Structure formats: C-alpha cells, structure tokens
Amino acid sequence: MTRLSCFVLLVLASALYIAAASASTRSSSATDYIVASCKVTRYPALCVECLSGYASVIQRNEKHLAETALSVSLSRAQSAAAFVSKMTQVRGIKPREREAVKDCIENMGDSVDRLSQSVKELSHMGRAINGNDFMFHMSNVQTWVSAALTDQNTCLDGFASHAMDGNIKAAIRRRVVNVAQVTSNALALVNRFASRHQAAAPTEKP
C-alpha cells in the first residue's frame, strides 16, 4: 500500500512538473512573440511593458494582440481623461489654463469614445470574416484610432505655449503623452494585423 501511494505521488509530481514546464514554455513563446511584434511600433519598450502581462491572453494571435493593445490604450485614455477633468478644480488655476483644460477634457472624451468604438469593432470581427468585409471593418478601426491619437495630440497642443508652463501643464502632459504613445503603438499593431491578414487572404475574383 505504501509503495503504491509513493508511486501515485511520483506520477502526480511528474505530471505537475511536465504541465508547469509546458506552461512556462508557452508563456515564454508568447512573450517572445510580443517582443518581436512590438518592434514595429514607435515605442517598443513601452509596448512590451504594456502587453507582456497579457501574454497568456495574446499567445501568438495577431487579432488578440491588436485587441489587447487597443484595450490598454482605452484604459489609459479613460484614466487620463478622469485626471484631466479634475484639473479645473485646482486652487489657483489661471483663466488661460482653465480654458486649455476644458478643451483637453473635450478632446480626451472624444478620444475615449473613438477608442471604445475601435475596441468594439475589432472584437466583433469573427475569424470567418475576410476580403472586402474585413478591410471595411479594419478601415473603421484604423480611422477611429488615428482620430483618437489626433485628439490626444490636440489636447497637448493647448499647453504648447511657454506661458502655460507650470504644475498643471506638467501633470497633464505626463499622462496624456503616455496615452498618446500607447495609442500610437496600438495603431501600429492594428496596421500590422490588417496588412498581414490582407497578405494572407486569397485573392478574390471580380
């Protein structure tokens, strides 16, 4: 009985070891895939930092990679928008700063809306979609993400003057610049997904 119990424990331990090794290999493979994919972005180190924690979700899937990148961008845009909205309540804020903050609130709100639309559009695209339908939906995603990035940069433009220098400008720029960089990376990965899918798709007859 004792020998049998030892044998069973040995088998279980071996199985757990193999499973753990397999999971570790898959995780390493997914992380390597993310690192390689992020090389097409403008801010590869930030790209890897943002996405490596989602390796188990992304695996080596182009669509999951693009979806995750957009979701991270949306989350950061929402956080930045909420932060900016509180800046009008800062004690001692100057009238010119207040106007710039109000414009930024509007821009970041538009950015969040467009990123939200892009996330929904991409998530609703099933595996079976191809050809013209695929490019139609991807064009929508690319347009919305590009517009979201423009909104973020427009917010920053409102604080470009040296007359705006100060704690409010510094705090807003720090957050919005990060969002803009993450969104730029997401757009690059969306474009990569679109181009690779189009290249792999069979040519449709007219």
C-alpha atoms as a PDB file:
ATOM      1  CA  MET A   1       0.000   0.000   0.000  1.00  0.00           C
ATOM      2  CA  THR A   2       2.853   2.317   0.890  1.00  0.00           C
ATOM      3  CA  ARG A   3       4.695   1.538  -2.341  1.00  0.00           C
ATOM      4  CA  LEU A   4       1.506   2.185  -4.331  1.00  0.00           C
ATOM      5  CA  SER A   5       0.999   5.526  -2.609  1.00  0.00           C
ATOM      6  CA  CYS A   6       4.584   6.528  -3.338  1.00  0.00           C
ATOM      7  CA  PHE A   7       4.165   5.510  -6.967  1.00  0.00           C
ATOM      8  CA  VAL A   8       0.970   7.575  -7.314  1.00  0.00           C
ATOM      9  CA  LEU A   9       2.635  10.596  -5.734  1.00  0.00           C
ATOM     10  CA  LEU A  10       5.589  10.213  -8.087  1.00  0.00           C
ATOM     11  CA  VAL A  11       3.285  10.077 -11.104  1.00  0.00           C
ATOM     12  CA  LEU A  12       1.365  13.138  -9.927  1.00  0.00           C
ATOM     13  CA  ALA A  13       4.567  15.057  -9.256  1.00  0.00           C
ATOM     14  CA  SER A  14       5.856  14.184 -12.724  1.00  0.00           C
ATOM     15  CA  ALA A  15       2.594  15.263 -14.325  1.00  0.00           C
ATOM     16  CA  LEU A  16       2.642  18.571 -12.465  1.00  0.00           C
ATOM     17  CA  TYR A  17       6.246  19.165 -13.450  1.00  0.00           C
ATOM     18  CA  ILE A  18       5.507  18.481 -17.114  1.00  0.00           C
ATOM     19  CA  ALA A  19       2.432  20.723 -17.025  1.00  0.00           C
ATOM     20  CA  ALA A  20       4.392  23.522 -15.378  1.00  0.00           C
ATOM     21  CA  ALA A  21       7.226  23.198 -17.876  1.00  0.00           C
ATOM     22  CA  SER A  22       4.756  23.251 -20.748  1.00  0.00           C
ATOM     23  CA  ALA A  23       3.012  26.349 -19.379  1.00  0.00           C
ATOM     24  CA  SER A  24       6.359  28.051 -18.886  1.00  0.00           C
ATOM     25  CA  THR A  25       7.326  27.279 -22.486  1.00  0.00           C
ATOM     26  CA  ARG A  26       4.028  28.660 -23.808  1.00  0.00           C
ATOM     27  CA  SER A  27       4.411  31.800 -21.718  1.00  0.00           C
ATOM     28  CA  SER A  28       7.972  32.319 -22.917  1.00  0.00           C
ATOM     29  CA  SER A  29       6.897  31.776 -26.514  1.00  0.00           C
ATOM     30  CA  ALA A  30       4.051  34.291 -26.169  1.00  0.00           C
ATOM     31  CA  THR A  31       6.351  36.851 -24.562  1.00  0.00           C
ATOM     32  CA  ASP A  32       8.897  36.419 -27.353  1.00  0.00           C
ATOM     33  CA  TYR A  33       6.072  36.954 -29.840  1.00  0.00           C
ATOM     34  CA  ILE A  34       5.059  40.206 -28.107  1.00  0.00           C
ATOM     35  CA  VAL A  35       8.662  41.459 -28.062  1.00  0.00           C
ATOM     36  CA  ALA A  36       9.071  40.693 -31.772  1.00  0.00           C
ATOM     37  CA  SER A  37       5.721  42.280 -32.654  1.00  0.00           C
ATOM     38  CA  CYS A  38       6.471  45.440 -30.683  1.00  0.00           C
ATOM     39  CA  LYS A  39       9.477  46.147 -32.895  1.00  0.00           C
ATOM     40  CA  VAL A  40       7.109  47.627 -35.500  1.00  0.00           C
ATOM     41  CA  THR A  41       5.911  50.260 -33.013  1.00  0.00           C
ATOM     42  CA  ARG A  42       7.366  53.679 -32.345  1.00  0.00           C
ATOM     43  CA  TYR A  43       7.866  52.962 -28.640  1.00  0.00           C
ATOM     44  CA  PRO A  44       8.809  49.261 -28.454  1.00  0.00           C
ATOM     45  CA  ALA A  45       9.944  49.222 -24.812  1.00  0.00           C
ATOM     46  CA  LEU A  46       6.649  50.782 -23.699  1.00  0.00           C
ATOM     47  CA  CYS A  47       4.792  48.345 -25.945  1.00  0.00           C
ATOM     48  CA  VAL A  48       6.406  45.339 -24.277  1.00  0.00           C
ATOM     49  CA  GLU A  49       5.835  46.845 -20.826  1.00  0.00           C
ATOM     50  CA  CYS A  50       2.119  47.318 -21.537  1.00  0.00           C
ATOM     51  CA  LEU A  51       1.453  43.952 -23.172  1.00  0.00           C
ATOM     52  CA  SER A  52       3.778  41.407 -21.567  1.00  0.00           C
ATOM     53  CA  GLY A  53       1.400  40.965 -18.635  1.00  0.00           C
ATOM     54  CA  TYR A  54      -1.252  39.746 -21.097  1.00  0.00           C
ATOM     55  CA  ALA A  55       0.928  37.101 -22.747  1.00  0.00           C
ATOM     56  CA  SER A  56      -1.393  34.260 -21.680  1.00  0.00           C
ATOM     57  CA  VAL A  57      -4.294  36.012 -23.404  1.00  0.00           C
ATOM     58  CA  ILE A  58      -2.408  37.113 -26.506  1.00  0.00           C
ATOM     59  CA  GLN A  59      -0.480  33.863 -27.065  1.00  0.00           C
ATOM     60  CA  ARG A  60       0.710  34.196 -30.694  1.00  0.00           C
ATOM     61  CA  ASN A  61      -2.527  35.564 -32.099  1.00  0.00           C
ATOM     62  CA  GLU A  62      -2.407  38.729 -34.249  1.00  0.00           C
ATOM     63  CA  LYS A  63      -6.017  39.674 -33.506  1.00  0.00           C
ATOM     64  CA  HIS A  64      -5.668  39.154 -29.762  1.00  0.00           C
ATOM     65  CA  LEU A  65      -2.503  41.271 -29.826  1.00  0.00           C
ATOM     66  CA  ALA A  66      -4.258  44.168 -31.569  1.00  0.00           C
ATOM     67  CA  GLU A  67      -7.334  43.859 -29.337  1.00  0.00           C
ATOM     68  CA  THR A  68      -5.249  43.890 -26.167  1.00  0.00           C
ATOM     69  CA  ALA A  69      -3.202  46.866 -27.333  1.00  0.00           C
ATOM     70  CA  LEU A  70      -6.405  48.812 -28.029  1.00  0.00           C
ATOM     71  CA  SER A  71      -7.916  47.817 -24.677  1.00  0.00           C
ATOM     72  CA  VAL A  72      -4.807  49.013 -22.832  1.00  0.00           C
ATOM     73  CA  SER A  73      -4.918  52.280 -24.765  1.00  0.00           C
ATOM     74  CA  LEU A  74      -8.602  52.741 -23.919  1.00  0.00           C
ATOM     75  CA  SER A  75      -7.994  52.062 -20.232  1.00  0.00           C
ATOM     76  CA  ARG A  76      -5.164  54.595 -20.046  1.00  0.00           C
ATOM     77  CA  ALA A  77      -7.170  57.174 -22.000  1.00  0.00           C
ATOM     78  CA  GLN A  78     -10.067  56.790 -19.575  1.00  0.00           C
ATOM     79  CA  SER A  79      -7.741  57.230 -16.607  1.00  0.00           C
ATOM     80  CA  ALA A  80      -6.105  60.304 -18.152  1.00  0.00           C
ATOM     81  CA  ALA A  81      -9.493  61.813 -19.045  1.00  0.00           C
ATOM     82  CA  ALA A  82     -10.668  61.393 -15.457  1.00  0.00           C
ATOM     83  CA  PHE A  83      -7.479  63.044 -14.186  1.00  0.00           C
ATOM     84  CA  VAL A  84      -7.760  65.994 -16.575  1.00  0.00           C
ATOM     85  CA  SER A  85     -11.398  66.560 -15.613  1.00  0.00           C
ATOM     86  CA  LYS A  86     -10.285  67.241 -12.032  1.00  0.00           C
ATOM     87  CA  MET A  87      -7.767  69.887 -13.030  1.00  0.00           C
ATOM     88  CA  THR A  88     -10.358  72.658 -13.325  1.00  0.00           C
ATOM     89  CA  GLN A  89     -10.810  72.391  -9.557  1.00  0.00           C
ATOM     90  CA  VAL A  90      -7.142  73.029  -8.760  1.00  0.00           C
ATOM     91  CA  ARG A  91      -6.695  76.020  -6.475  1.00  0.00           C
ATOM     92  CA  GLY A  92      -5.037  78.992  -8.160  1.00  0.00           C
ATOM     93  CA  ILE A  93      -5.636  77.814 -11.724  1.00  0.00           C
ATOM     94  CA  LYS A  94      -5.322  80.701 -14.205  1.00  0.00           C
ATOM     95  CA  PRO A  95      -8.145  81.556 -16.630  1.00  0.00           C
ATOM     96  CA  ARG A  96      -5.983  80.604 -19.628  1.00  0.00           C
ATOM     97  CA  GLU A  97      -5.089  77.294 -18.034  1.00  0.00           C
ATOM     98  CA  ARG A  98      -8.739  76.615 -17.233  1.00  0.00           C
ATOM     99  CA  GLU A  99      -9.713  77.099 -20.896  1.00  0.00           C
ATOM    100  CA  ALA A 100      -6.921  74.785 -22.050  1.00  0.00           C
ATOM    101  CA  VAL A 101      -8.010  72.174 -19.524  1.00  0.00           C
ATOM    102  CA  LYS A 102     -11.636  72.425 -20.675  1.00  0.00           C
ATOM    103  CA  ASP A 103     -10.557  71.914 -24.297  1.00  0.00           C
ATOM    104  CA  CYS A 104      -8.415  68.967 -23.215  1.00  0.00           C
ATOM    105  CA  ILE A 105     -11.362  67.422 -21.358  1.00  0.00           C
ATOM    106  CA  GLU A 106     -13.391  67.554 -24.579  1.00  0.00           C
ATOM    107  CA  ASN A 107     -10.540  66.144 -26.649  1.00  0.00           C
ATOM    108  CA  MET A 108      -9.874  63.291 -24.228  1.00  0.00           C
ATOM    109  CA  GLY A 109     -13.582  62.496 -24.067  1.00  0.00           C
ATOM    110  CA  ASP A 110     -13.650  62.204 -27.865  1.00  0.00           C
ATOM    111  CA  SER A 111     -10.520  60.068 -27.724  1.00  0.00           C
ATOM    112  CA  VAL A 112     -12.117  57.666 -25.251  1.00  0.00           C
ATOM    113  CA  ASP A 113     -15.247  57.392 -27.407  1.00  0.00           C
ATOM    114  CA  ARG A 114     -13.263  56.591 -30.528  1.00  0.00           C
ATOM    115  CA  LEU A 115     -11.035  54.053 -28.839  1.00  0.00           C
ATOM    116  CA  SER A 116     -14.136  52.416 -27.364  1.00  0.00           C
ATOM    117  CA  GLN A 117     -15.650  52.190 -30.851  1.00  0.00           C
ATOM    118  CA  SER A 118     -12.466  50.651 -32.230  1.00  0.00           C
ATOM    119  CA  VAL A 119     -12.312  48.026 -29.457  1.00  0.00           C
ATOM    120  CA  LYS A 120     -15.929  47.017 -30.093  1.00  0.00           C
ATOM    121  CA  GLU A 121     -15.470  46.925 -33.861  1.00  0.00           C
ATOM    122  CA  LEU A 122     -12.400  44.709 -33.661  1.00  0.00           C
ATOM    123  CA  SER A 123     -13.895  42.386 -31.042  1.00  0.00           C
ATOM    124  CA  HIS A 124     -16.982  41.815 -33.207  1.00  0.00           C
ATOM    125  CA  MET A 125     -14.905  40.663 -36.167  1.00  0.00           C
ATOM    126  CA  GLY A 126     -15.087  36.874 -36.229  1.00  0.00           C
ATOM    127  CA  ARG A 127     -12.492  34.562 -37.654  1.00  0.00           C
ATOM    128  CA  ALA A 128     -14.589  33.849 -40.721  1.00  0.00           C
ATOM    129  CA  ILE A 129     -14.612  37.464 -41.875  1.00  0.00           C
ATOM    130  CA  ASN A 130     -12.409  38.067 -44.888  1.00  0.00           C
ATOM    131  CA  GLY A 131     -11.883  40.037 -48.073  1.00  0.00           C
ATOM    132  CA  ASN A 132     -13.744  43.292 -48.501  1.00  0.00           C
ATOM    133  CA  ASP A 133     -15.714  42.869 -45.256  1.00  0.00           C
ATOM    134  CA  PHE A 134     -12.502  42.529 -43.275  1.00  0.00           C
ATOM    135  CA  MET A 135     -10.950  45.630 -44.813  1.00  0.00           C
ATOM    136  CA  PHE A 136     -14.152  47.620 -44.275  1.00  0.00           C
ATOM    137  CA  HIS A 137     -14.153  46.893 -40.550  1.00  0.00           C
ATOM    138  CA  MET A 138     -10.387  47.339 -40.240  1.00  0.00           C
ATOM    139  CA  SER A 139     -10.611  50.681 -42.026  1.00  0.00           C
ATOM    140  CA  ASN A 140     -13.122  51.808 -39.403  1.00  0.00           C
ATOM    141  CA  VAL A 141     -10.799  50.695 -36.604  1.00  0.00           C
ATOM    142  CA  GLN A 142      -7.792  52.422 -38.148  1.00  0.00           C
ATOM    143  CA  THR A 143      -9.743  55.638 -38.714  1.00  0.00           C
ATOM    144  CA  TRP A 144     -11.026  55.751 -35.128  1.00  0.00           C
ATOM    145  CA  VAL A 145      -7.645  55.013 -33.568  1.00  0.00           C
ATOM    146  CA  SER A 146      -5.974  57.641 -35.751  1.00  0.00           C
ATOM    147  CA  ALA A 147      -8.648  60.163 -34.734  1.00  0.00           C
ATOM    148  CA  ALA A 148      -8.174  59.257 -31.056  1.00  0.00           C
ATOM    149  CA  LEU A 149      -4.454  59.901 -31.397  1.00  0.00           C
ATOM    150  CA  THR A 150      -5.172  63.264 -33.036  1.00  0.00           C
ATOM    151  CA  ASP A 151      -7.485  64.169 -30.142  1.00  0.00           C
ATOM    152  CA  GLN A 152      -4.739  63.403 -27.644  1.00  0.00           C
ATOM    153  CA  ASN A 153      -2.191  65.491 -29.526  1.00  0.00           C
ATOM    154  CA  THR A 154      -4.690  68.343 -29.845  1.00  0.00           C
ATOM    155  CA  CYS A 155      -5.046  68.329 -26.060  1.00  0.00           C
ATOM    156  CA  LEU A 156      -1.281  68.679 -25.739  1.00  0.00           C
ATOM    157  CA  ASP A 157      -1.192  71.489 -28.310  1.00  0.00           C
ATOM    158  CA  GLY A 158      -3.346  73.566 -25.982  1.00  0.00           C
ATOM    159  CA  PHE A 159      -0.468  73.663 -23.498  1.00  0.00           C
ATOM    160  CA  ALA A 160       2.317  74.270 -26.030  1.00  0.00           C
ATOM    161  CA  SER A 161       2.893  77.922 -25.103  1.00  0.00           C
ATOM    162  CA  HIS A 162       5.588  78.707 -22.528  1.00  0.00           C
ATOM    163  CA  ALA A 163       3.024  80.953 -20.873  1.00  0.00           C
ATOM    164  CA  MET A 164       1.245  77.739 -19.854  1.00  0.00           C
ATOM    165  CA  ASP A 165       4.290  76.316 -18.084  1.00  0.00           C
ATOM    166  CA  GLY A 166       3.554  75.152 -14.569  1.00  0.00           C
ATOM    167  CA  ASN A 167       2.415  72.211 -12.467  1.00  0.00           C
ATOM    168  CA  ILE A 168      -0.905  71.782 -14.270  1.00  0.00           C
ATOM    169  CA  LYS A 169       0.729  71.601 -17.690  1.00  0.00           C
ATOM    170  CA  ALA A 170       3.407  69.211 -16.435  1.00  0.00           C
ATOM    171  CA  ALA A 171       0.894  66.890 -14.774  1.00  0.00           C
ATOM    172  CA  ILE A 172      -1.419  66.752 -17.789  1.00  0.00           C
ATOM    173  CA  ARG A 173       1.406  66.353 -20.305  1.00  0.00           C
ATOM    174  CA  ARG A 174       2.907  63.479 -18.341  1.00  0.00           C
ATOM    175  CA  ARG A 175      -0.322  61.488 -18.532  1.00  0.00           C
ATOM    176  CA  VAL A 176      -1.514  62.433 -21.998  1.00  0.00           C
ATOM    177  CA  VAL A 177       1.895  61.906 -23.612  1.00  0.00           C
ATOM    178  CA  ASN A 178       1.919  58.382 -22.171  1.00  0.00           C
ATOM    179  CA  VAL A 179      -1.571  57.742 -23.563  1.00  0.00           C
ATOM    180  CA  ALA A 180      -0.556  59.112 -26.973  1.00  0.00           C
ATOM    181  CA  GLN A 181       2.486  56.825 -27.076  1.00  0.00           C
ATOM    182  CA  VAL A 182       0.430  53.785 -26.095  1.00  0.00           C
ATOM    183  CA  THR A 183      -2.200  54.684 -28.706  1.00  0.00           C
ATOM    184  CA  SER A 184       0.493  55.143 -31.358  1.00  0.00           C
ATOM    185  CA  ASN A 185       1.763  51.653 -30.546  1.00  0.00           C
ATOM    186  CA  ALA A 186      -1.753  50.228 -30.702  1.00  0.00           C
ATOM    187  CA  LEU A 187      -2.295  51.775 -34.129  1.00  0.00           C
ATOM    188  CA  ALA A 188       0.960  50.256 -35.383  1.00  0.00           C
ATOM    189  CA  LEU A 189      -0.138  46.795 -34.202  1.00  0.00           C
ATOM    190  CA  VAL A 190      -3.598  47.257 -35.731  1.00  0.00           C
ATOM    191  CA  ASN A 191      -1.964  48.217 -39.040  1.00  0.00           C
ATOM    192  CA  ARG A 192       0.311  45.176 -38.772  1.00  0.00           C
ATOM    193  CA  PHE A 193      -2.670  42.891 -38.186  1.00  0.00           C
ATOM    194  CA  ALA A 194      -4.517  44.401 -41.160  1.00  0.00           C
ATOM    195  CA  SER A 195      -1.585  44.122 -43.566  1.00  0.00           C
ATOM    196  CA  ARG A 196      -0.720  40.552 -42.554  1.00  0.00           C
ATOM    197  CA  HIS A 197      -4.326  39.406 -42.820  1.00  0.00           C
ATOM    198  CA  GLN A 198      -4.666  41.039 -46.230  1.00  0.00           C
ATOM    199  CA  ALA A 199      -1.426  39.471 -47.453  1.00  0.00           C
ATOM    200  CA  ALA A 200      -2.522  36.013 -46.281  1.00  0.00           C
ATOM    201  CA  ALA A 201      -6.057  36.284 -47.670  1.00  0.00           C
ATOM    202  CA  PRO A 202      -6.783  34.584 -51.018  1.00  0.00           C
ATOM    203  CA  THR A 203      -7.264  36.933 -53.955  1.00  0.00           C
ATOM    204  CA  GLU A 204     -10.946  37.486 -54.646  1.00  0.00           C
ATOM    205  CA  LYS A 205     -12.183  37.242 -58.203  1.00  0.00           C
ATOM    206  CA  PRO A 206     -14.106  40.257 -59.531  1.00  0.00           C
END
